N, C-alpha and C. Protein backbone atom coordinates (compact mmCIF):
# COMPACT_ATOMS: atom_id res chain seq x y z
N MET A 1 -3.46 27.65 1.00
CA MET A 1 -4.64 26.89 1.26
C MET A 1 -4.65 25.58 0.47
N ALA A 2 -4.16 25.68 -0.76
CA ALA A 2 -4.08 24.46 -1.57
C ALA A 2 -3.15 23.43 -0.99
N LEU A 3 -2.08 23.88 -0.32
CA LEU A 3 -1.13 22.94 0.27
C LEU A 3 -1.78 22.18 1.43
N ILE A 4 -2.66 22.82 2.15
CA ILE A 4 -3.34 22.15 3.23
C ILE A 4 -4.27 21.06 2.65
N GLY A 5 -4.92 21.33 1.58
CA GLY A 5 -5.78 20.36 0.95
C GLY A 5 -4.99 19.17 0.42
N ILE A 6 -3.84 19.47 -0.21
CA ILE A 6 -3.00 18.38 -0.70
C ILE A 6 -2.49 17.53 0.45
N ALA A 7 -2.06 18.17 1.54
CA ALA A 7 -1.58 17.43 2.69
C ALA A 7 -2.67 16.52 3.27
N ALA A 8 -3.88 17.06 3.36
CA ALA A 8 -4.97 16.25 3.92
C ALA A 8 -5.29 15.08 3.00
N LEU A 9 -5.31 15.29 1.69
CA LEU A 9 -5.64 14.19 0.77
C LEU A 9 -4.56 13.19 0.66
N SER A 10 -3.33 13.59 0.79
CA SER A 10 -2.23 12.66 0.55
C SER A 10 -1.78 11.87 1.79
N SER A 11 -2.08 12.35 2.95
CA SER A 11 -1.63 11.62 4.15
C SER A 11 -2.68 11.48 5.24
N ALA A 12 -3.31 12.53 5.63
CA ALA A 12 -4.20 12.47 6.78
C ALA A 12 -5.44 11.60 6.53
N ILE A 13 -6.08 11.77 5.41
CA ILE A 13 -7.30 11.01 5.13
C ILE A 13 -7.00 9.52 4.92
N PRO A 14 -5.99 9.16 4.08
CA PRO A 14 -5.70 7.73 3.96
C PRO A 14 -5.26 7.07 5.26
N CYS A 15 -4.50 7.80 6.08
CA CYS A 15 -4.07 7.24 7.35
C CYS A 15 -5.24 7.00 8.29
N SER A 16 -6.16 7.94 8.36
CA SER A 16 -7.28 7.75 9.21
C SER A 16 -8.21 6.64 8.70
N LEU A 17 -8.32 6.46 7.41
CA LEU A 17 -9.11 5.38 6.84
C LEU A 17 -8.47 4.02 7.16
N GLU A 18 -7.12 3.99 7.12
CA GLU A 18 -6.48 2.73 7.47
C GLU A 18 -6.70 2.35 8.95
N TYR A 19 -6.67 3.35 9.85
CA TYR A 19 -6.91 3.08 11.25
C TYR A 19 -8.34 2.57 11.45
N GLU A 20 -9.28 3.15 10.75
CA GLU A 20 -10.67 2.67 10.88
C GLU A 20 -10.80 1.26 10.34
N ALA A 21 -10.13 0.95 9.24
CA ALA A 21 -10.18 -0.42 8.66
C ALA A 21 -9.57 -1.38 9.66
N LEU A 22 -8.49 -0.99 10.30
CA LEU A 22 -7.80 -1.91 11.26
C LEU A 22 -8.74 -2.23 12.43
N LYS A 23 -9.55 -1.29 12.86
CA LYS A 23 -10.45 -1.54 13.97
C LYS A 23 -11.57 -2.50 13.56
N ARG A 24 -11.93 -2.51 12.29
CA ARG A 24 -13.09 -3.30 11.85
C ARG A 24 -12.75 -4.60 11.18
N MET A 25 -11.48 -4.85 10.86
CA MET A 25 -11.09 -6.05 10.15
C MET A 25 -10.20 -6.93 11.03
N SER A 26 -10.11 -8.18 10.61
CA SER A 26 -9.19 -9.07 11.30
C SER A 26 -7.75 -8.65 10.87
N PRO A 27 -6.77 -8.93 11.71
CA PRO A 27 -5.39 -8.59 11.34
C PRO A 27 -4.96 -9.22 10.03
N ARG A 28 -5.37 -10.44 9.77
CA ARG A 28 -4.98 -11.11 8.52
C ARG A 28 -5.53 -10.37 7.28
N LYS A 29 -6.81 -10.02 7.32
CA LYS A 29 -7.40 -9.31 6.20
C LYS A 29 -6.78 -7.91 6.05
N TYR A 30 -6.47 -7.25 7.15
CA TYR A 30 -5.85 -5.94 7.09
C TYR A 30 -4.44 -6.09 6.49
N GLY A 31 -3.73 -7.12 6.84
CA GLY A 31 -2.40 -7.34 6.25
C GLY A 31 -2.47 -7.54 4.76
N ILE A 32 -3.44 -8.28 4.30
CA ILE A 32 -3.60 -8.46 2.85
C ILE A 32 -3.94 -7.13 2.17
N LEU A 33 -4.78 -6.36 2.83
CA LEU A 33 -5.13 -5.04 2.28
C LEU A 33 -3.90 -4.14 2.14
N ILE A 34 -3.07 -4.14 3.18
CA ILE A 34 -1.86 -3.32 3.16
C ILE A 34 -0.86 -3.81 2.13
N CYS A 35 -0.82 -5.13 1.87
CA CYS A 35 0.07 -5.69 0.88
C CYS A 35 -0.24 -5.18 -0.56
N THR A 36 -1.44 -4.72 -0.74
CA THR A 36 -1.82 -4.26 -2.07
C THR A 36 -1.36 -2.79 -2.35
N GLU A 37 -0.88 -2.11 -1.31
CA GLU A 37 -0.51 -0.70 -1.49
C GLU A 37 0.69 -0.48 -2.42
N PRO A 38 1.79 -1.23 -2.31
CA PRO A 38 2.94 -0.97 -3.19
C PRO A 38 2.56 -1.18 -4.68
N PRO A 39 1.87 -2.29 -5.05
CA PRO A 39 1.52 -2.40 -6.48
C PRO A 39 0.58 -1.33 -6.96
N ILE A 40 -0.37 -0.93 -6.12
CA ILE A 40 -1.31 0.11 -6.52
C ILE A 40 -0.56 1.46 -6.69
N ALA A 41 0.31 1.78 -5.77
CA ALA A 41 1.07 3.02 -5.86
C ALA A 41 1.97 3.01 -7.10
N THR A 42 2.54 1.85 -7.44
CA THR A 42 3.37 1.77 -8.65
C THR A 42 2.51 1.99 -9.89
N LEU A 43 1.38 1.35 -9.94
CA LEU A 43 0.48 1.56 -11.10
C LEU A 43 -0.02 2.97 -11.22
N ASP A 44 -0.27 3.62 -10.07
CA ASP A 44 -0.62 5.04 -10.11
C ASP A 44 0.50 5.89 -10.66
N GLY A 45 1.73 5.58 -10.27
CA GLY A 45 2.87 6.34 -10.73
C GLY A 45 3.05 6.16 -12.26
N ILE A 46 2.82 4.97 -12.73
CA ILE A 46 2.93 4.74 -14.20
C ILE A 46 1.83 5.46 -14.93
N THR A 47 0.60 5.33 -14.41
CA THR A 47 -0.58 5.89 -15.08
C THR A 47 -0.58 7.41 -15.08
N PHE A 48 -0.43 7.97 -13.88
CA PHE A 48 -0.64 9.40 -13.73
C PHE A 48 0.64 10.26 -13.85
N LEU A 49 1.77 9.67 -13.53
CA LEU A 49 3.03 10.41 -13.55
C LEU A 49 3.97 10.07 -14.68
N GLY A 50 3.63 9.01 -15.40
CA GLY A 50 4.48 8.59 -16.50
C GLY A 50 5.76 7.92 -16.08
N ASP A 51 5.80 7.36 -14.89
CA ASP A 51 7.00 6.65 -14.41
C ASP A 51 7.30 5.44 -15.30
N GLN A 52 8.57 5.07 -15.35
CA GLN A 52 8.97 3.90 -16.11
C GLN A 52 9.28 2.77 -15.17
N MET A 53 8.84 1.58 -15.57
CA MET A 53 9.14 0.38 -14.79
C MET A 53 10.38 -0.30 -15.35
N THR A 54 11.42 -0.37 -14.58
CA THR A 54 12.61 -1.10 -14.97
C THR A 54 12.50 -2.51 -14.41
N PHE A 55 13.37 -3.37 -14.87
CA PHE A 55 13.38 -4.77 -14.39
C PHE A 55 13.66 -4.79 -12.90
N ARG A 56 14.54 -3.92 -12.42
CA ARG A 56 14.90 -3.85 -10.99
C ARG A 56 13.67 -3.47 -10.16
N VAL A 57 12.89 -2.51 -10.64
CA VAL A 57 11.68 -2.07 -9.94
C VAL A 57 10.65 -3.21 -9.88
N ILE A 58 10.48 -3.90 -10.97
CA ILE A 58 9.52 -5.02 -11.04
C ILE A 58 9.92 -6.10 -10.02
N ILE A 59 11.21 -6.47 -10.00
CA ILE A 59 11.68 -7.51 -9.07
C ILE A 59 11.50 -7.01 -7.63
N ALA A 60 11.88 -5.79 -7.35
CA ALA A 60 11.73 -5.26 -5.98
C ALA A 60 10.24 -5.25 -5.56
N LEU A 61 9.39 -4.84 -6.43
CA LEU A 61 7.97 -4.81 -6.12
C LEU A 61 7.42 -6.21 -5.85
N LEU A 62 7.86 -7.18 -6.64
CA LEU A 62 7.42 -8.56 -6.42
C LEU A 62 7.95 -9.11 -5.11
N LEU A 63 9.22 -8.84 -4.81
CA LEU A 63 9.78 -9.37 -3.57
C LEU A 63 9.13 -8.77 -2.34
N VAL A 64 8.86 -7.46 -2.37
CA VAL A 64 8.19 -6.83 -1.22
C VAL A 64 6.78 -7.36 -1.05
N SER A 65 6.07 -7.47 -2.14
CA SER A 65 4.67 -7.97 -2.06
C SER A 65 4.63 -9.44 -1.61
N ILE A 66 5.51 -10.27 -2.14
CA ILE A 66 5.50 -11.67 -1.77
C ILE A 66 5.89 -11.86 -0.29
N SER A 67 6.89 -11.11 0.15
CA SER A 67 7.31 -11.24 1.54
C SER A 67 6.23 -10.73 2.49
N ALA A 68 5.57 -9.65 2.12
CA ALA A 68 4.48 -9.15 3.00
C ALA A 68 3.33 -10.10 3.04
N LEU A 69 2.99 -10.66 1.92
CA LEU A 69 1.89 -11.69 1.93
C LEU A 69 2.28 -12.93 2.68
N GLY A 70 3.56 -13.33 2.56
CA GLY A 70 4.03 -14.48 3.31
C GLY A 70 3.93 -14.26 4.78
N LEU A 71 4.33 -13.07 5.26
CA LEU A 71 4.24 -12.78 6.69
C LEU A 71 2.80 -12.71 7.15
N THR A 72 1.91 -12.31 6.26
CA THR A 72 0.51 -12.25 6.63
C THR A 72 -0.09 -13.63 6.87
N PHE A 73 0.35 -14.60 6.12
CA PHE A 73 -0.24 -15.93 6.20
C PHE A 73 0.47 -16.86 7.19
N ILE A 74 1.59 -16.43 7.78
CA ILE A 74 2.24 -17.24 8.77
C ILE A 74 1.40 -17.23 10.06
N ASP A 75 1.10 -18.40 10.53
CA ASP A 75 0.29 -18.52 11.75
C ASP A 75 1.25 -18.76 12.91
N LYS A 76 1.30 -17.82 13.86
CA LYS A 76 2.22 -17.94 14.98
C LYS A 76 1.62 -18.59 16.19
N LYS A 77 0.44 -19.15 16.06
CA LYS A 77 -0.24 -19.77 17.20
C LYS A 77 0.25 -21.16 17.46
C-alpha cells in the first residue's frame, strides 16, 4: 500500500498538475515553469538526499537550463 502512495506522489500527481497548468497558462509561461524543474530537482537531491555537486553536474545543469530557456524565448512567428 505504501508503494502505491509513493507512486502517486512521485509521478501521477505532479504529471496531472503539469497538464492542468498547461491548459491554463500560455505556452511561453509553461516553458519557463518547466525550465525550473532540473535546478529544483538538483537542489532537492542535495538537500534531502545528500547528493554532491561536481563541476560536471553544475555545467550540465546550466547548459540544460540555458538551452531550455533559450528555446522558450525564441519566437517562431
